Amino acid sequence: MSSNFIGKKLKTFFWIFILITSFARAQSYDKWKLQLAIGINDPIESDEKSPGYYTYYLNFPTINLGVQYMLLENLGVKLDYGFNRSSSGLDSQEFELNYSRVNAQLAYDFSSLLRFLPEEVGTVLHGGPGYSFSNPSGEFSENDYRFLNAILGAEIHYKVSRNLSVMSDLALVYSFSNENKYDINVDGFSFNDDLIYLTFGVSYALGRGCKCYP
């Protein structure tokens, strides 16, 4: 095997190595983001399902905590946890509900399609499957549920620094629970339906020179 051939091979391997390492650095840069948001929620349930038990339209708090990883410039995945508390409204029998969820989601940044927006503003659609935990408290604590869900929401981000943006998130958590519930007349309040929430919070990118929204 000639030295000329070996030299060409070494040059080829060298440039392949440069390309791979450059790509790896690009792929690992500004990929991870942490998000924390607090807001309000509204459990959606008809009077026919829970006669005598209903919440206020606005309930506090909703607390969402998530971590996001960008696969591409505009497409990422995230895992997030949400906690929601609501309580009995006017003229309702008294109760309190703790509703938690865990969701694995896709996040799509469609800011590039809205060219009229300022550069600091980002818009994101997110959604995916998850699991819900419905836990009434007090005398109804035995009436808990576990069921599958799907979430669909939209976020607006405003970049305030290189690594930090403030954000709002409006989303619907759709229940795939069985329609059968505990007997309201015998067992009292229980919940296995949909929920909508609105939160405000922050998104922090782990890295320098970030585009803070996804």
N, C-alpha and C. Protein backbone atom coordinates (compact mmCIF):
# COMPACT_ATOMS: atom_id res chain seq x y z
N MET A 1 0.86 -1.19 0.00
CA MET A 1 0.00 0.00 0.00
C MET A 1 0.89 1.23 0.00
N SER A 2 0.71 2.11 -0.95
CA SER A 2 1.60 3.25 -1.12
C SER A 2 1.39 4.27 -0.02
N SER A 3 2.46 5.03 0.26
CA SER A 3 2.37 6.09 1.27
C SER A 3 1.41 7.18 0.82
N ASN A 4 1.28 7.40 -0.50
CA ASN A 4 0.36 8.40 -1.03
C ASN A 4 -1.08 8.04 -0.71
N PHE A 5 -1.38 6.71 -0.86
CA PHE A 5 -2.73 6.24 -0.55
C PHE A 5 -3.03 6.40 0.95
N ILE A 6 -2.05 6.05 1.78
CA ILE A 6 -2.22 6.19 3.23
C ILE A 6 -2.42 7.65 3.60
N GLY A 7 -1.66 8.54 2.95
CA GLY A 7 -1.81 9.96 3.23
C GLY A 7 -3.20 10.47 2.90
N LYS A 8 -3.74 10.02 1.76
CA LYS A 8 -5.09 10.43 1.37
C LYS A 8 -6.12 9.93 2.39
N LYS A 9 -5.93 8.68 2.85
CA LYS A 9 -6.85 8.12 3.85
C LYS A 9 -6.82 8.93 5.14
N LEU A 10 -5.60 9.27 5.57
CA LEU A 10 -5.46 10.03 6.81
C LEU A 10 -6.13 11.40 6.67
N LYS A 11 -5.96 12.05 5.52
CA LYS A 11 -6.61 13.34 5.30
C LYS A 11 -8.12 13.21 5.34
N THR A 12 -8.62 12.12 4.70
CA THR A 12 -10.07 11.89 4.69
C THR A 12 -10.60 11.71 6.11
N PHE A 13 -9.91 10.84 6.90
CA PHE A 13 -10.32 10.62 8.28
C PHE A 13 -10.23 11.91 9.10
N PHE A 14 -9.23 12.72 8.82
CA PHE A 14 -9.06 13.97 9.56
C PHE A 14 -10.26 14.90 9.32
N TRP A 15 -10.65 15.06 8.06
CA TRP A 15 -11.78 15.97 7.77
C TRP A 15 -13.10 15.41 8.28
N ILE A 16 -13.26 14.08 8.23
CA ILE A 16 -14.46 13.47 8.81
C ILE A 16 -14.51 13.74 10.31
N PHE A 17 -13.35 13.61 10.97
CA PHE A 17 -13.29 13.86 12.42
C PHE A 17 -13.65 15.31 12.73
N ILE A 18 -13.13 16.25 11.93
CA ILE A 18 -13.44 17.67 12.14
C ILE A 18 -14.92 17.92 11.99
N LEU A 19 -15.53 17.33 10.93
CA LEU A 19 -16.96 17.54 10.70
C LEU A 19 -17.80 16.95 11.83
N ILE A 20 -17.45 15.75 12.27
CA ILE A 20 -18.22 15.09 13.34
C ILE A 20 -18.12 15.87 14.63
N THR A 21 -16.92 16.28 15.01
CA THR A 21 -16.77 17.01 16.27
C THR A 21 -17.45 18.37 16.20
N SER A 22 -17.39 19.02 15.05
CA SER A 22 -18.07 20.31 14.89
C SER A 22 -19.56 20.14 15.01
N PHE A 23 -20.10 19.08 14.38
CA PHE A 23 -21.53 18.81 14.45
C PHE A 23 -21.95 18.49 15.88
N ALA A 24 -21.12 17.71 16.58
CA ALA A 24 -21.43 17.35 17.96
C ALA A 24 -21.49 18.57 18.85
N ARG A 25 -20.54 19.50 18.65
CA ARG A 25 -20.55 20.72 19.46
C ARG A 25 -21.80 21.54 19.16
N ALA A 26 -22.17 21.60 17.88
CA ALA A 26 -23.36 22.37 17.51
C ALA A 26 -24.61 21.76 18.10
N GLN A 27 -24.65 20.40 18.12
CA GLN A 27 -25.83 19.73 18.62
C GLN A 27 -25.98 19.84 20.14
N SER A 28 -24.85 19.99 20.85
CA SER A 28 -24.92 20.04 22.31
C SER A 28 -25.03 21.46 22.84
N TYR A 29 -25.11 22.43 21.95
CA TYR A 29 -25.11 23.82 22.38
C TYR A 29 -26.53 24.34 22.52
N ASP A 30 -26.86 24.88 23.69
CA ASP A 30 -28.17 25.45 23.96
C ASP A 30 -29.30 24.46 23.72
N LYS A 31 -29.14 23.27 24.17
CA LYS A 31 -30.15 22.26 23.95
C LYS A 31 -31.11 22.12 25.12
N TRP A 32 -30.62 22.28 26.34
CA TRP A 32 -31.42 22.01 27.53
C TRP A 32 -32.04 23.29 28.07
N LYS A 33 -33.29 23.19 28.49
CA LYS A 33 -33.98 24.33 29.09
C LYS A 33 -34.81 23.85 30.29
N LEU A 34 -34.80 24.64 31.33
CA LEU A 34 -35.62 24.39 32.50
C LEU A 34 -36.75 25.42 32.55
N GLN A 35 -37.95 24.95 32.91
CA GLN A 35 -39.11 25.84 32.93
C GLN A 35 -39.87 25.71 34.24
N LEU A 36 -40.29 26.84 34.77
CA LEU A 36 -41.11 26.88 35.98
C LEU A 36 -42.19 27.93 35.79
N ALA A 37 -43.44 27.56 36.04
CA ALA A 37 -44.55 28.49 35.83
C ALA A 37 -45.63 28.27 36.88
N ILE A 38 -46.33 29.36 37.22
CA ILE A 38 -47.40 29.32 38.22
C ILE A 38 -48.61 30.04 37.64
N GLY A 39 -49.81 29.52 37.94
CA GLY A 39 -51.00 30.17 37.40
C GLY A 39 -52.28 29.64 37.98
N ILE A 40 -53.31 29.62 37.14
CA ILE A 40 -54.66 29.27 37.56
C ILE A 40 -55.18 28.11 36.72
N ASN A 41 -56.26 27.48 37.19
CA ASN A 41 -56.83 26.34 36.48
C ASN A 41 -58.34 26.31 36.62
N ASP A 42 -58.96 25.54 35.73
CA ASP A 42 -60.41 25.32 35.76
C ASP A 42 -60.69 23.87 35.42
N PRO A 43 -61.05 23.03 36.40
CA PRO A 43 -61.48 21.65 36.09
C PRO A 43 -62.81 21.70 35.34
N ILE A 44 -62.89 20.98 34.22
CA ILE A 44 -64.08 21.02 33.37
C ILE A 44 -64.88 19.75 33.60
N GLU A 45 -66.07 19.91 34.17
CA GLU A 45 -66.93 18.75 34.41
C GLU A 45 -68.38 19.20 34.42
N SER A 46 -69.24 18.41 33.80
CA SER A 46 -70.66 18.78 33.69
C SER A 46 -71.39 18.55 35.01
N ASP A 47 -72.48 19.29 35.19
CA ASP A 47 -73.29 19.13 36.40
C ASP A 47 -73.91 17.74 36.49
N GLU A 48 -74.11 17.10 35.31
CA GLU A 48 -74.70 15.77 35.32
C GLU A 48 -73.78 14.74 35.95
N LYS A 49 -72.47 14.94 35.80
CA LYS A 49 -71.52 13.97 36.35
C LYS A 49 -71.34 14.14 37.85
N SER A 50 -71.32 15.38 38.32
CA SER A 50 -71.11 15.65 39.74
C SER A 50 -72.13 16.65 40.25
N PRO A 51 -73.40 16.27 40.31
CA PRO A 51 -74.43 17.21 40.78
C PRO A 51 -74.16 17.66 42.21
N GLY A 52 -74.20 18.96 42.42
CA GLY A 52 -73.98 19.51 43.75
C GLY A 52 -72.53 19.83 44.05
N TYR A 53 -71.60 19.42 43.16
CA TYR A 53 -70.18 19.67 43.37
C TYR A 53 -69.61 20.38 42.14
N TYR A 54 -69.12 21.59 42.32
CA TYR A 54 -68.48 22.30 41.23
C TYR A 54 -67.54 23.35 41.80
N THR A 55 -66.55 23.71 40.99
CA THR A 55 -65.50 24.63 41.45
C THR A 55 -65.77 26.04 40.95
N TYR A 56 -64.96 26.96 41.42
CA TYR A 56 -64.91 28.28 40.80
C TYR A 56 -64.32 28.12 39.39
N TYR A 57 -64.58 29.10 38.54
CA TYR A 57 -64.00 29.06 37.20
C TYR A 57 -62.48 29.27 37.25
N LEU A 58 -62.01 30.05 38.22
CA LEU A 58 -60.58 30.30 38.37
C LEU A 58 -60.13 29.76 39.72
N ASN A 59 -59.17 28.87 39.70
CA ASN A 59 -58.66 28.25 40.92
C ASN A 59 -57.13 28.39 40.97
N PHE A 60 -56.61 28.57 42.15
CA PHE A 60 -55.18 28.76 42.36
C PHE A 60 -54.70 27.79 43.44
N PRO A 61 -53.50 27.19 43.27
CA PRO A 61 -52.53 27.44 42.20
C PRO A 61 -52.48 26.32 41.18
N THR A 62 -51.86 26.61 40.05
CA THR A 62 -51.30 25.62 39.13
C THR A 62 -49.79 25.84 39.12
N ILE A 63 -49.04 24.77 39.29
CA ILE A 63 -47.58 24.85 39.30
C ILE A 63 -47.05 23.84 38.30
N ASN A 64 -46.33 24.32 37.30
CA ASN A 64 -45.74 23.44 36.28
C ASN A 64 -44.22 23.51 36.33
N LEU A 65 -43.59 22.36 36.27
CA LEU A 65 -42.14 22.26 36.28
C LEU A 65 -41.72 21.31 35.17
N GLY A 66 -40.83 21.77 34.26
CA GLY A 66 -40.45 20.92 33.14
C GLY A 66 -39.01 21.07 32.72
N VAL A 67 -38.53 20.07 31.98
CA VAL A 67 -37.20 20.12 31.38
C VAL A 67 -37.37 19.79 29.90
N GLN A 68 -36.67 20.54 29.05
CA GLN A 68 -36.85 20.42 27.61
C GLN A 68 -35.51 20.24 26.91
N TYR A 69 -35.53 19.39 25.88
CA TYR A 69 -34.33 19.15 25.07
C TYR A 69 -34.68 19.34 23.60
N MET A 70 -33.92 20.20 22.92
CA MET A 70 -34.19 20.50 21.52
C MET A 70 -33.48 19.49 20.61
N LEU A 71 -34.26 18.79 19.80
CA LEU A 71 -33.72 17.86 18.82
C LEU A 71 -33.23 18.60 17.57
N LEU A 72 -34.00 19.59 17.16
CA LEU A 72 -33.67 20.44 16.03
C LEU A 72 -33.86 21.88 16.47
N GLU A 73 -33.58 22.81 15.58
CA GLU A 73 -33.72 24.22 15.94
C GLU A 73 -35.14 24.57 16.36
N ASN A 74 -36.13 23.95 15.70
CA ASN A 74 -37.53 24.29 15.99
C ASN A 74 -38.31 23.16 16.64
N LEU A 75 -37.69 22.02 16.87
CA LEU A 75 -38.42 20.87 17.39
C LEU A 75 -37.70 20.27 18.58
N GLY A 76 -38.45 20.07 19.68
CA GLY A 76 -37.85 19.51 20.88
C GLY A 76 -38.80 18.56 21.58
N VAL A 77 -38.30 17.95 22.63
CA VAL A 77 -39.11 17.09 23.49
C VAL A 77 -39.00 17.62 24.92
N LYS A 78 -40.04 17.43 25.68
CA LYS A 78 -39.95 17.84 27.08
C LYS A 78 -40.77 16.93 27.97
N LEU A 79 -40.33 16.85 29.20
CA LEU A 79 -41.03 16.10 30.24
C LEU A 79 -41.40 17.10 31.31
N ASP A 80 -42.69 17.15 31.66
CA ASP A 80 -43.09 18.11 32.68
C ASP A 80 -44.11 17.55 33.64
N TYR A 81 -44.12 18.16 34.82
CA TYR A 81 -45.04 17.79 35.90
C TYR A 81 -45.90 19.00 36.22
N GLY A 82 -47.20 18.77 36.41
CA GLY A 82 -48.10 19.85 36.77
C GLY A 82 -48.94 19.50 37.98
N PHE A 83 -49.05 20.45 38.90
CA PHE A 83 -49.91 20.29 40.08
C PHE A 83 -50.98 21.38 40.05
N ASN A 84 -52.23 20.98 40.28
CA ASN A 84 -53.36 21.91 40.26
C ASN A 84 -54.24 21.68 41.49
N ARG A 85 -54.63 22.77 42.12
CA ARG A 85 -55.54 22.68 43.27
C ARG A 85 -56.79 23.50 42.98
N SER A 86 -57.93 22.96 43.31
CA SER A 86 -59.20 23.67 43.17
C SER A 86 -60.09 23.32 44.35
N SER A 87 -61.10 24.16 44.56
CA SER A 87 -62.00 23.93 45.70
C SER A 87 -63.42 24.30 45.33
N SER A 88 -64.34 24.00 46.22
CA SER A 88 -65.76 24.18 45.96
C SER A 88 -66.11 25.64 45.74
N GLY A 89 -67.02 25.87 44.77
CA GLY A 89 -67.50 27.21 44.47
C GLY A 89 -68.72 27.58 45.30
N LEU A 90 -69.29 28.72 44.98
CA LEU A 90 -70.50 29.17 45.69
C LEU A 90 -71.64 28.20 45.47
N ASP A 91 -72.40 27.95 46.53
CA ASP A 91 -73.57 27.06 46.49
C ASP A 91 -73.22 25.61 46.20
N SER A 92 -71.93 25.26 46.26
CA SER A 92 -71.51 23.87 46.08
C SER A 92 -71.29 23.23 47.44
N GLN A 93 -71.45 21.92 47.49
CA GLN A 93 -71.05 21.20 48.69
C GLN A 93 -69.52 21.30 48.81
N GLU A 94 -69.02 21.34 50.01
CA GLU A 94 -67.60 21.62 50.22
C GLU A 94 -66.72 20.43 49.83
N PHE A 95 -65.62 20.76 49.16
CA PHE A 95 -64.62 19.77 48.79
C PHE A 95 -63.35 20.51 48.38
N GLU A 96 -62.26 19.77 48.25
CA GLU A 96 -61.01 20.29 47.73
C GLU A 96 -60.37 19.22 46.87
N LEU A 97 -59.83 19.63 45.70
CA LEU A 97 -59.26 18.68 44.75
C LEU A 97 -57.79 18.99 44.49
N ASN A 98 -56.95 17.97 44.58
CA ASN A 98 -55.56 18.05 44.15
C ASN A 98 -55.42 17.20 42.89
N TYR A 99 -55.02 17.84 41.80
CA TYR A 99 -54.92 17.16 40.51
C TYR A 99 -53.50 17.32 39.98
N SER A 100 -52.82 16.19 39.76
CA SER A 100 -51.45 16.21 39.27
C SER A 100 -51.38 15.46 37.94
N ARG A 101 -50.37 15.79 37.16
CA ARG A 101 -50.17 15.11 35.87
C ARG A 101 -48.67 15.07 35.56
N VAL A 102 -48.30 14.07 34.74
CA VAL A 102 -46.96 13.97 34.17
C VAL A 102 -47.14 13.74 32.68
N ASN A 103 -46.46 14.54 31.84
CA ASN A 103 -46.62 14.42 30.40
C ASN A 103 -45.29 14.42 29.66
N ALA A 104 -45.17 13.56 28.65
CA ALA A 104 -44.06 13.57 27.71
C ALA A 104 -44.57 14.24 26.44
N GLN A 105 -43.88 15.32 26.01
CA GLN A 105 -44.44 16.15 24.96
C GLN A 105 -43.43 16.47 23.86
N LEU A 106 -43.99 16.84 22.71
CA LEU A 106 -43.23 17.48 21.65
C LEU A 106 -43.44 18.98 21.75
N ALA A 107 -42.42 19.76 21.46
CA ALA A 107 -42.52 21.22 21.47
C ALA A 107 -42.06 21.74 20.11
N TYR A 108 -42.91 22.52 19.46
CA TYR A 108 -42.58 23.04 18.13
C TYR A 108 -42.61 24.56 18.15
N ASP A 109 -41.47 25.15 17.83
CA ASP A 109 -41.36 26.61 17.77
C ASP A 109 -41.73 27.07 16.36
N PHE A 110 -42.86 27.77 16.24
CA PHE A 110 -43.29 28.24 14.92
C PHE A 110 -43.10 29.76 14.78
N SER A 111 -42.18 30.32 15.55
CA SER A 111 -41.91 31.75 15.50
C SER A 111 -41.49 32.21 14.10
N SER A 112 -40.75 31.34 13.39
CA SER A 112 -40.26 31.73 12.06
C SER A 112 -41.39 31.94 11.07
N LEU A 113 -42.57 31.37 11.36
CA LEU A 113 -43.71 31.54 10.46
C LEU A 113 -44.42 32.87 10.70
N LEU A 114 -44.14 33.50 11.85
CA LEU A 114 -44.78 34.78 12.21
C LEU A 114 -43.73 35.87 12.13
N ARG A 115 -43.38 36.26 10.94
CA ARG A 115 -42.26 37.17 10.71
C ARG A 115 -42.53 38.58 11.23
N PHE A 116 -43.79 38.89 11.51
CA PHE A 116 -44.12 40.22 12.00
C PHE A 116 -43.79 40.40 13.48
N LEU A 117 -43.48 39.28 14.19
CA LEU A 117 -43.18 39.37 15.61
C LEU A 117 -41.75 39.87 15.83
N PRO A 118 -41.52 40.60 16.92
CA PRO A 118 -40.14 41.00 17.25
C PRO A 118 -39.26 39.79 17.48
N GLU A 119 -37.96 39.97 17.31
CA GLU A 119 -37.02 38.86 17.47
C GLU A 119 -37.05 38.28 18.88
N GLU A 120 -37.39 39.09 19.85
CA GLU A 120 -37.39 38.63 21.25
C GLU A 120 -38.58 37.74 21.58
N VAL A 121 -39.58 37.69 20.72
CA VAL A 121 -40.81 36.96 21.00
C VAL A 121 -40.78 35.60 20.32
N GLY A 122 -41.10 34.55 21.08
CA GLY A 122 -41.19 33.21 20.54
C GLY A 122 -42.56 32.62 20.79
N THR A 123 -43.03 31.80 19.87
CA THR A 123 -44.33 31.13 20.00
C THR A 123 -44.13 29.64 19.83
N VAL A 124 -44.71 28.86 20.74
CA VAL A 124 -44.45 27.43 20.79
C VAL A 124 -45.75 26.66 20.98
N LEU A 125 -45.94 25.61 20.18
CA LEU A 125 -47.00 24.64 20.40
C LEU A 125 -46.41 23.42 21.10
N HIS A 126 -47.15 22.86 22.06
CA HIS A 126 -46.66 21.67 22.74
C HIS A 126 -47.81 20.71 23.00
N GLY A 127 -47.51 19.43 23.02
CA GLY A 127 -48.54 18.44 23.28
C GLY A 127 -47.97 17.05 23.36
N GLY A 128 -48.74 16.16 24.02
CA GLY A 128 -48.31 14.78 24.13
C GLY A 128 -49.09 14.02 25.19
N PRO A 129 -48.85 12.73 25.28
CA PRO A 129 -49.58 11.88 26.23
C PRO A 129 -49.04 12.01 27.65
N GLY A 130 -49.87 11.58 28.59
CA GLY A 130 -49.43 11.63 29.98
C GLY A 130 -50.33 10.82 30.89
N TYR A 131 -50.12 11.01 32.17
CA TYR A 131 -50.85 10.26 33.20
C TYR A 131 -51.31 11.23 34.27
N SER A 132 -52.56 11.10 34.70
CA SER A 132 -53.16 12.02 35.67
C SER A 132 -53.42 11.33 37.01
N PHE A 133 -53.33 12.13 38.07
CA PHE A 133 -53.60 11.68 39.43
C PHE A 133 -54.61 12.63 40.04
N SER A 134 -55.83 12.17 40.24
CA SER A 134 -56.89 12.99 40.82
C SER A 134 -57.09 12.58 42.27
N ASN A 135 -56.85 13.52 43.20
CA ASN A 135 -56.88 13.21 44.63
C ASN A 135 -57.70 14.22 45.40
N PRO A 136 -59.01 13.98 45.59
CA PRO A 136 -59.77 14.83 46.51
C PRO A 136 -59.21 14.67 47.92
N SER A 137 -59.33 15.72 48.71
CA SER A 137 -58.80 15.66 50.07
C SER A 137 -59.94 15.59 51.08
N GLY A 138 -59.56 15.50 52.35
CA GLY A 138 -60.56 15.46 53.42
C GLY A 138 -61.38 14.18 53.41
N GLU A 139 -62.67 14.31 53.57
CA GLU A 139 -63.53 13.14 53.70
C GLU A 139 -63.69 12.37 52.39
N PHE A 140 -63.24 12.94 51.25
CA PHE A 140 -63.35 12.27 49.96
C PHE A 140 -62.01 11.72 49.47
N SER A 141 -61.06 11.59 50.37
CA SER A 141 -59.69 11.21 49.98
C SER A 141 -59.61 9.80 49.38
N GLU A 142 -60.60 8.95 49.64
CA GLU A 142 -60.60 7.61 49.07
C GLU A 142 -61.07 7.61 47.62
N ASN A 143 -61.66 8.70 47.17
CA ASN A 143 -62.21 8.77 45.81
C ASN A 143 -61.17 9.27 44.80
N ASP A 144 -60.01 8.62 44.79
CA ASP A 144 -58.95 9.06 43.89
C ASP A 144 -59.02 8.30 42.56
N TYR A 145 -58.37 8.88 41.53
CA TYR A 145 -58.36 8.29 40.20
C TYR A 145 -56.95 8.32 39.63
N ARG A 146 -56.68 7.37 38.76
CA ARG A 146 -55.48 7.35 37.94
C ARG A 146 -55.95 7.11 36.52
N PHE A 147 -55.55 7.96 35.57
CA PHE A 147 -56.01 7.78 34.20
C PHE A 147 -55.08 8.46 33.21
N LEU A 148 -55.16 8.01 31.96
CA LEU A 148 -54.36 8.58 30.89
C LEU A 148 -54.91 9.93 30.46
N ASN A 149 -54.02 10.77 29.94
CA ASN A 149 -54.45 12.07 29.43
C ASN A 149 -53.66 12.43 28.18
N ALA A 150 -54.07 13.51 27.54
CA ALA A 150 -53.30 14.12 26.45
C ALA A 150 -53.39 15.63 26.64
N ILE A 151 -52.27 16.30 26.45
CA ILE A 151 -52.23 17.75 26.64
C ILE A 151 -51.93 18.44 25.32
N LEU A 152 -52.54 19.60 25.13
CA LEU A 152 -52.27 20.44 23.97
C LEU A 152 -52.27 21.89 24.43
N GLY A 153 -51.21 22.61 24.12
CA GLY A 153 -51.11 23.98 24.61
C GLY A 153 -50.27 24.86 23.71
N ALA A 154 -50.27 26.15 24.04
CA ALA A 154 -49.50 27.15 23.29
C ALA A 154 -48.79 28.06 24.28
N GLU A 155 -47.54 28.37 23.98
CA GLU A 155 -46.72 29.24 24.83
C GLU A 155 -46.29 30.49 24.06
N ILE A 156 -46.13 31.57 24.80
CA ILE A 156 -45.53 32.78 24.28
C ILE A 156 -44.33 33.11 25.17
N HIS A 157 -43.17 33.30 24.54
CA HIS A 157 -41.94 33.59 25.27
C HIS A 157 -41.42 34.97 24.89
N TYR A 158 -40.86 35.64 25.88
CA TYR A 158 -40.21 36.93 25.61
C TYR A 158 -38.82 36.89 26.23
N LYS A 159 -37.80 37.00 25.38
CA LYS A 159 -36.41 36.90 25.84
C LYS A 159 -36.00 38.17 26.55
N VAL A 160 -35.55 38.05 27.80
CA VAL A 160 -35.12 39.21 28.57
C VAL A 160 -33.60 39.25 28.76
N SER A 161 -32.95 38.12 28.51
CA SER A 161 -31.49 38.08 28.56
C SER A 161 -31.02 36.93 27.69
N ARG A 162 -29.72 36.71 27.67
CA ARG A 162 -29.14 35.69 26.81
C ARG A 162 -29.63 34.30 27.16
N ASN A 163 -29.89 34.05 28.45
CA ASN A 163 -30.30 32.72 28.89
C ASN A 163 -31.70 32.64 29.46
N LEU A 164 -32.36 33.77 29.63
CA LEU A 164 -33.63 33.78 30.35
C LEU A 164 -34.74 34.41 29.53
N SER A 165 -35.91 33.77 29.56
CA SER A 165 -37.11 34.37 28.97
C SER A 165 -38.27 34.20 29.94
N VAL A 166 -39.22 35.12 29.87
CA VAL A 166 -40.47 34.98 30.60
C VAL A 166 -41.49 34.38 29.63
N MET A 167 -42.45 33.64 30.16
CA MET A 167 -43.35 32.89 29.29
C MET A 167 -44.75 32.81 29.88
N SER A 168 -45.72 32.60 29.00
CA SER A 168 -47.08 32.26 29.40
C SER A 168 -47.48 30.99 28.67
N ASP A 169 -48.37 30.22 29.27
CA ASP A 169 -48.76 28.92 28.71
C ASP A 169 -50.24 28.69 28.95
N LEU A 170 -50.99 28.47 27.88
CA LEU A 170 -52.41 28.13 27.96
C LEU A 170 -52.59 26.74 27.39
N ALA A 171 -53.19 25.82 28.16
CA ALA A 171 -53.27 24.43 27.70
C ALA A 171 -54.52 23.74 28.21
N LEU A 172 -54.91 22.71 27.46
CA LEU A 172 -56.02 21.83 27.84
C LEU A 172 -55.46 20.45 28.10
N VAL A 173 -55.82 19.86 29.24
CA VAL A 173 -55.45 18.49 29.57
C VAL A 173 -56.70 17.64 29.40
N TYR A 174 -56.70 16.80 28.38
CA TYR A 174 -57.88 16.00 28.02
C TYR A 174 -57.81 14.63 28.69
N SER A 175 -58.91 14.23 29.31
CA SER A 175 -58.95 12.98 30.05
C SER A 175 -59.39 11.81 29.16
N PHE A 176 -58.70 10.68 29.33
CA PHE A 176 -59.12 9.43 28.70
C PHE A 176 -59.65 8.45 29.74
N SER A 177 -60.20 8.99 30.83
CA SER A 177 -60.72 8.15 31.90
C SER A 177 -62.03 7.49 31.50
N ASN A 178 -62.28 6.36 32.11
CA ASN A 178 -63.59 5.72 31.98
C ASN A 178 -64.66 6.66 32.51
N GLU A 179 -65.82 6.67 31.88
CA GLU A 179 -66.90 7.56 32.31
C GLU A 179 -67.45 7.19 33.67
N ASN A 180 -67.32 5.93 34.07
CA ASN A 180 -67.85 5.51 35.37
C ASN A 180 -67.07 6.17 36.50
N LYS A 181 -67.80 6.61 37.52
CA LYS A 181 -67.20 7.28 38.67
C LYS A 181 -67.72 6.67 39.95
N TYR A 182 -67.17 7.13 41.05
CA TYR A 182 -67.76 6.77 42.32
C TYR A 182 -69.17 7.33 42.37
N ASP A 183 -70.04 6.65 43.08
CA ASP A 183 -71.42 7.11 43.21
C ASP A 183 -71.44 8.40 44.03
N ILE A 184 -71.77 9.50 43.39
CA ILE A 184 -71.77 10.80 44.07
C ILE A 184 -72.69 10.79 45.28
N ASN A 185 -73.84 10.15 45.16
CA ASN A 185 -74.82 10.14 46.25
C ASN A 185 -74.33 9.35 47.46
N VAL A 186 -73.48 8.37 47.20
CA VAL A 186 -72.99 7.50 48.28
C VAL A 186 -71.60 7.92 48.74
N ASP A 187 -70.70 8.15 47.79
CA ASP A 187 -69.29 8.38 48.10
C ASP A 187 -68.87 9.84 48.09
N GLY A 188 -69.71 10.72 47.56
CA GLY A 188 -69.36 12.13 47.52
C GLY A 188 -68.50 12.48 46.31
N PHE A 189 -67.78 13.60 46.39
CA PHE A 189 -67.07 14.17 45.25
C PHE A 189 -65.93 13.29 44.75
N SER A 190 -65.78 13.25 43.43
CA SER A 190 -64.62 12.67 42.76
C SER A 190 -64.47 13.34 41.40
N PHE A 191 -63.29 13.20 40.79
CA PHE A 191 -63.04 13.90 39.53
C PHE A 191 -62.20 13.04 38.60
N ASN A 192 -62.64 12.93 37.34
CA ASN A 192 -61.87 12.18 36.33
C ASN A 192 -62.07 12.78 34.94
N ASP A 193 -62.08 14.12 34.86
CA ASP A 193 -62.39 14.77 33.61
C ASP A 193 -61.26 15.70 33.16
N ASP A 194 -61.59 16.66 32.29
CA ASP A 194 -60.60 17.53 31.68
C ASP A 194 -60.25 18.71 32.58
N LEU A 195 -59.16 19.40 32.21
CA LEU A 195 -58.72 20.57 32.96
C LEU A 195 -58.03 21.54 32.01
N ILE A 196 -58.28 22.82 32.21
CA ILE A 196 -57.61 23.86 31.44
C ILE A 196 -56.83 24.74 32.40
N TYR A 197 -55.64 25.21 31.98
CA TYR A 197 -54.85 26.06 32.87
C TYR A 197 -54.18 27.18 32.09
N LEU A 198 -53.84 28.23 32.82
CA LEU A 198 -53.08 29.36 32.30
C LEU A 198 -51.99 29.67 33.30
N THR A 199 -50.73 29.67 32.85
CA THR A 199 -49.62 29.92 33.76
C THR A 199 -48.69 31.00 33.20
N PHE A 200 -47.89 31.56 34.11
CA PHE A 200 -46.86 32.53 33.76
C PHE A 200 -45.59 32.12 34.50
N GLY A 201 -44.45 32.18 33.81
CA GLY A 201 -43.23 31.75 34.47
C GLY A 201 -41.98 32.12 33.70
N VAL A 202 -40.95 31.31 33.89
CA VAL A 202 -39.64 31.57 33.29
C VAL A 202 -39.13 30.31 32.62
N SER A 203 -38.30 30.53 31.58
CA SER A 203 -37.60 29.45 30.89
C SER A 203 -36.12 29.80 30.90
N TYR A 204 -35.29 28.89 31.38
CA TYR A 204 -33.86 29.16 31.51
C TYR A 204 -33.08 28.16 30.67
N ALA A 205 -32.24 28.66 29.78
CA ALA A 205 -31.42 27.80 28.91
C ALA A 205 -30.07 27.55 29.55
N LEU A 206 -29.64 26.30 29.52
CA LEU A 206 -28.35 25.92 30.09
C LEU A 206 -27.29 26.02 29.01
N GLY A 207 -26.67 27.19 28.92
CA GLY A 207 -25.67 27.41 27.88
C GLY A 207 -25.55 28.89 27.60
N ARG A 208 -24.54 29.27 26.83
CA ARG A 208 -24.31 30.68 26.50
C ARG A 208 -24.85 31.00 25.12
N GLY A 209 -25.21 32.24 24.93
CA GLY A 209 -25.65 32.68 23.62
C GLY A 209 -26.94 32.03 23.18
N CYS A 210 -27.84 31.78 24.15
CA CYS A 210 -29.02 31.00 23.84
C CYS A 210 -30.09 31.80 23.14
N LYS A 211 -30.90 31.05 22.43
CA LYS A 211 -32.19 31.56 22.00
C LYS A 211 -33.16 30.99 23.01
N CYS A 212 -33.60 31.78 23.98
CA CYS A 212 -34.14 31.24 25.22
C CYS A 212 -35.41 30.43 25.03
N TYR A 213 -36.25 30.88 24.12
CA TYR A 213 -37.42 30.06 23.83
C TYR A 213 -36.98 28.90 22.95
N PRO A 214 -37.82 27.83 22.85
CA PRO A 214 -37.39 26.63 22.16
C PRO A 214 -37.01 26.90 20.72
